[in-house]
C-alpha atoms as a PDB file:
ATOM      1  CA  UNK A   1     193.336 102.702 162.327  1.00  0.00           C
ATOM      2  CA  UNK A   2     191.885 105.856 160.863  1.00  0.00           C
ATOM      3  CA  UNK A   3     188.963 105.189 158.530  1.00  0.00           C
ATOM      4  CA  UNK A   4     188.066 107.622 155.818  1.00  0.00           C
ATOM      5  CA  UNK A   5     184.719 109.379 155.878  1.00  0.00           C
ATOM      6  CA  UNK A   6     183.532 107.202 153.009  1.00  0.00           C
ATOM      7  CA  UNK A   7     184.359 104.036 154.969  1.00  0.00           C
ATOM      8  CA  UNK A   8     182.466 105.369 157.966  1.00  0.00           C
ATOM      9  CA  UNK A   9     179.466 106.367 155.855  1.00  0.00           C
ATOM     10  CA  UNK A  10     179.161 102.727 154.835  1.00  0.00           C
ATOM     11  CA  UNK A  11     178.205 101.712 158.377  1.00  0.00           C
ATOM     12  CA  UNK A  12     176.015 104.763 158.915  1.00  0.00           C
ATOM     13  CA  UNK A  13     173.867 104.871 155.807  1.00  0.00           C
ATOM     14  CA  UNK A  14     175.670 103.114 153.018  1.00  0.00           C
ATOM     15  CA  UNK A  15     175.939  99.536 151.900  1.00  0.00           C
ATOM     16  CA  UNK A  16     177.726  98.284 155.010  1.00  0.00           C
ATOM     17  CA  UNK A  17     175.385  99.152 157.896  1.00  0.00           C
ATOM     18  CA  UNK A  18     174.585  95.519 158.735  1.00  0.00           C
ATOM     19  CA  UNK A  19     177.426  93.685 160.478  1.00  0.00           C
ATOM     20  CA  UNK A  20     178.793  90.544 158.868  1.00  0.00           C
ATOM     21  CA  UNK A  21     178.035  87.307 160.647  1.00  0.00           C
ATOM     22  CA  UNK A  22     180.363  86.882 163.624  1.00  0.00           C
ATOM     23  CA  UNK A  23     181.969  83.492 163.027  1.00  0.00           C
ATOM     24  CA  UNK A  24     185.434  82.056 162.406  1.00  0.00           C
ATOM     25  CA  UNK A  25     185.123  82.533 158.678  1.00  0.00           C
ATOM     26  CA  UNK A  26     184.263  86.257 158.994  1.00  0.00           C
ATOM     27  CA  UNK A  27     186.266  87.086 162.119  1.00  0.00           C
ATOM     28  CA  UNK A  28     188.462  89.716 160.466  1.00  0.00           C
ATOM     29  CA  UNK A  29     185.593  91.311 158.501  1.00  0.00           C
ATOM     30  CA  UNK A  30     183.483  91.463 161.665  1.00  0.00           C
ATOM     31  CA  UNK A  31     186.368  93.039 163.611  1.00  0.00           C
ATOM     32  CA  UNK A  32     186.872  95.686 160.915  1.00  0.00           C
ATOM     33  CA  UNK A  33     183.137  96.403 160.728  1.00  0.00           C
ATOM     34  CA  UNK A  34     182.905  96.721 164.511  1.00  0.00           C
ATOM     35  CA  UNK A  35     185.815  99.192 164.500  1.00  0.00           C
ATOM     36  CA  UNK A  36     184.210 101.314 161.753  1.00  0.00           C
ATOM     37  CA  UNK A  37     180.868 101.211 163.564  1.00  0.00           C
ATOM     38  CA  UNK A  38     182.525 102.377 166.796  1.00  0.00           C
ATOM     39  CA  UNK A  39     184.318 105.226 165.008  1.00  0.00           C
ATOM     40  CA  UNK A  40     181.162 106.336 163.208  1.00  0.00           C
ATOM     41  CA  UNK A  41     179.090 106.120 166.390  1.00  0.00           C
ATOM     42  CA  UNK A  42     181.683 108.181 168.254  1.00  0.00           C
ATOM     43  CA  UNK A  43     181.708 110.831 165.508  1.00  0.00           C
ATOM     44  CA  UNK A  44     177.903 111.055 165.524  1.00  0.00           C
ATOM     45  CA  UNK A  45     177.730 111.288 169.318  1.00  0.00           C
ATOM     46  CA  UNK A  46     180.368 114.036 169.381  1.00  0.00           C
ATOM     47  CA  UNK A  47     178.450 116.086 166.834  1.00  0.00           C
ATOM     48  CA  UNK A  48     175.118 116.345 168.649  1.00  0.00           C
ATOM     49  CA  UNK A  49     173.871 118.482 171.481  1.00  0.00           C
ATOM     50  CA  UNK A  50     173.507 117.130 174.982  1.00  0.00           C
ATOM     51  CA  UNK A  51     169.719 117.333 174.651  1.00  0.00           C
ATOM     52  CA  UNK A  52     169.720 114.980 171.666  1.00  0.00           C
ATOM     53  CA  UNK A  53     171.874 112.399 173.426  1.00  0.00           C
ATOM     54  CA  UNK A  54     168.887 111.011 175.332  1.00  0.00           C
ATOM     55  CA  UNK A  55     167.336 109.997 172.010  1.00  0.00           C
ATOM     56  CA  UNK A  56     170.287 107.825 170.990  1.00  0.00           C
ATOM     57  CA  UNK A  57     171.443 106.387 174.309  1.00  0.00           C
ATOM     58  CA  UNK A  58     170.086 102.905 173.565  1.00  0.00           C
ATOM     59  CA  UNK A  59     171.351 102.701 169.978  1.00  0.00           C
ATOM     60  CA  UNK A  60     173.932  99.974 169.404  1.00  0.00           C
ATOM     61  CA  UNK A  61     174.839 100.695 165.798  1.00  0.00           C
ATOM     62  CA  UNK A  62     175.868 103.886 163.988  1.00  0.00           C
ATOM     63  CA  UNK A  63     173.001 103.331 161.552  1.00  0.00           C
ATOM     64  CA  UNK A  64     170.521 103.280 164.454  1.00  0.00           C
ATOM     65  CA  UNK A  65     171.951 106.566 165.740  1.00  0.00           C
ATOM     66  CA  UNK A  66     171.625 108.117 162.266  1.00  0.00           C
ATOM     67  CA  UNK A  67     168.045 106.903 161.812  1.00  0.00           C
ATOM     68  CA  UNK A  68     167.071 108.103 165.297  1.00  0.00           C
ATOM     69  CA  UNK A  69     168.588 111.532 164.759  1.00  0.00           C
ATOM     70  CA  UNK A  70     166.951 111.771 161.357  1.00  0.00           C
ATOM     71  CA  UNK A  71     163.490 110.975 162.731  1.00  0.00           C
ATOM     72  CA  UNK A  72     163.997 113.173 165.818  1.00  0.00           C
ATOM     73  CA  UNK A  73     165.006 116.131 163.671  1.00  0.00           C
ATOM     74  CA  UNK A  74     162.063 115.618 161.344  1.00  0.00           C
ATOM     75  CA  UNK A  75     159.724 115.384 164.320  1.00  0.00           C
ATOM     76  CA  UNK A  76     161.102 118.577 165.862  1.00  0.00           C
ATOM     77  CA  UNK A  77     160.776 120.462 162.571  1.00  0.00           C
ATOM     78  CA  UNK A  78     157.218 119.196 162.135  1.00  0.00           C
ATOM     79  CA  UNK A  79     156.285 120.433 165.618  1.00  0.00           C
ATOM     80  CA  UNK A  80     157.975 123.758 164.934  1.00  0.00           C
ATOM     81  CA  UNK A  81     156.183 124.370 161.655  1.00  0.00           C
ATOM     82  CA  UNK A  82     152.848 123.118 162.951  1.00  0.00           C
ATOM     83  CA  UNK A  83     153.099 125.492 165.899  1.00  0.00           C
ATOM     84  CA  UNK A  84     154.234 128.364 163.764  1.00  0.00           C
ATOM     85  CA  UNK A  85     151.858 127.991 160.833  1.00  0.00           C
ATOM     86  CA  UNK A  86     148.790 126.273 162.253  1.00  0.00           C
ATOM     87  CA  UNK A  87     147.134 129.494 163.399  1.00  0.00           C
ATOM     88  CA  UNK A  88     144.331 130.724 161.150  1.00  0.00           C
ATOM     89  CA  UNK A  89     145.194 133.823 159.222  1.00  0.00           C
ATOM     90  CA  UNK A  90     143.129 136.838 160.143  1.00  0.00           C
END
């Protein structure tokens, strides 16, 4: 099954990032969600550098990976700009 990018975005940062309840009634929906989550997680992991992988190693869901990468990137940029622009001008 090849999900479209829009389908994958749903489990990363859209309306579908929380899995449906795993019970008999939702078995098929849960299976489909789990597949999309796996595909999205794989795509995110393949798109990052080796150094960033340590930040996401414990993430179980694609949304967790996205949130972790988002906060890690923001933190790195903050450190960069603070280091670059925190010196008093002479």
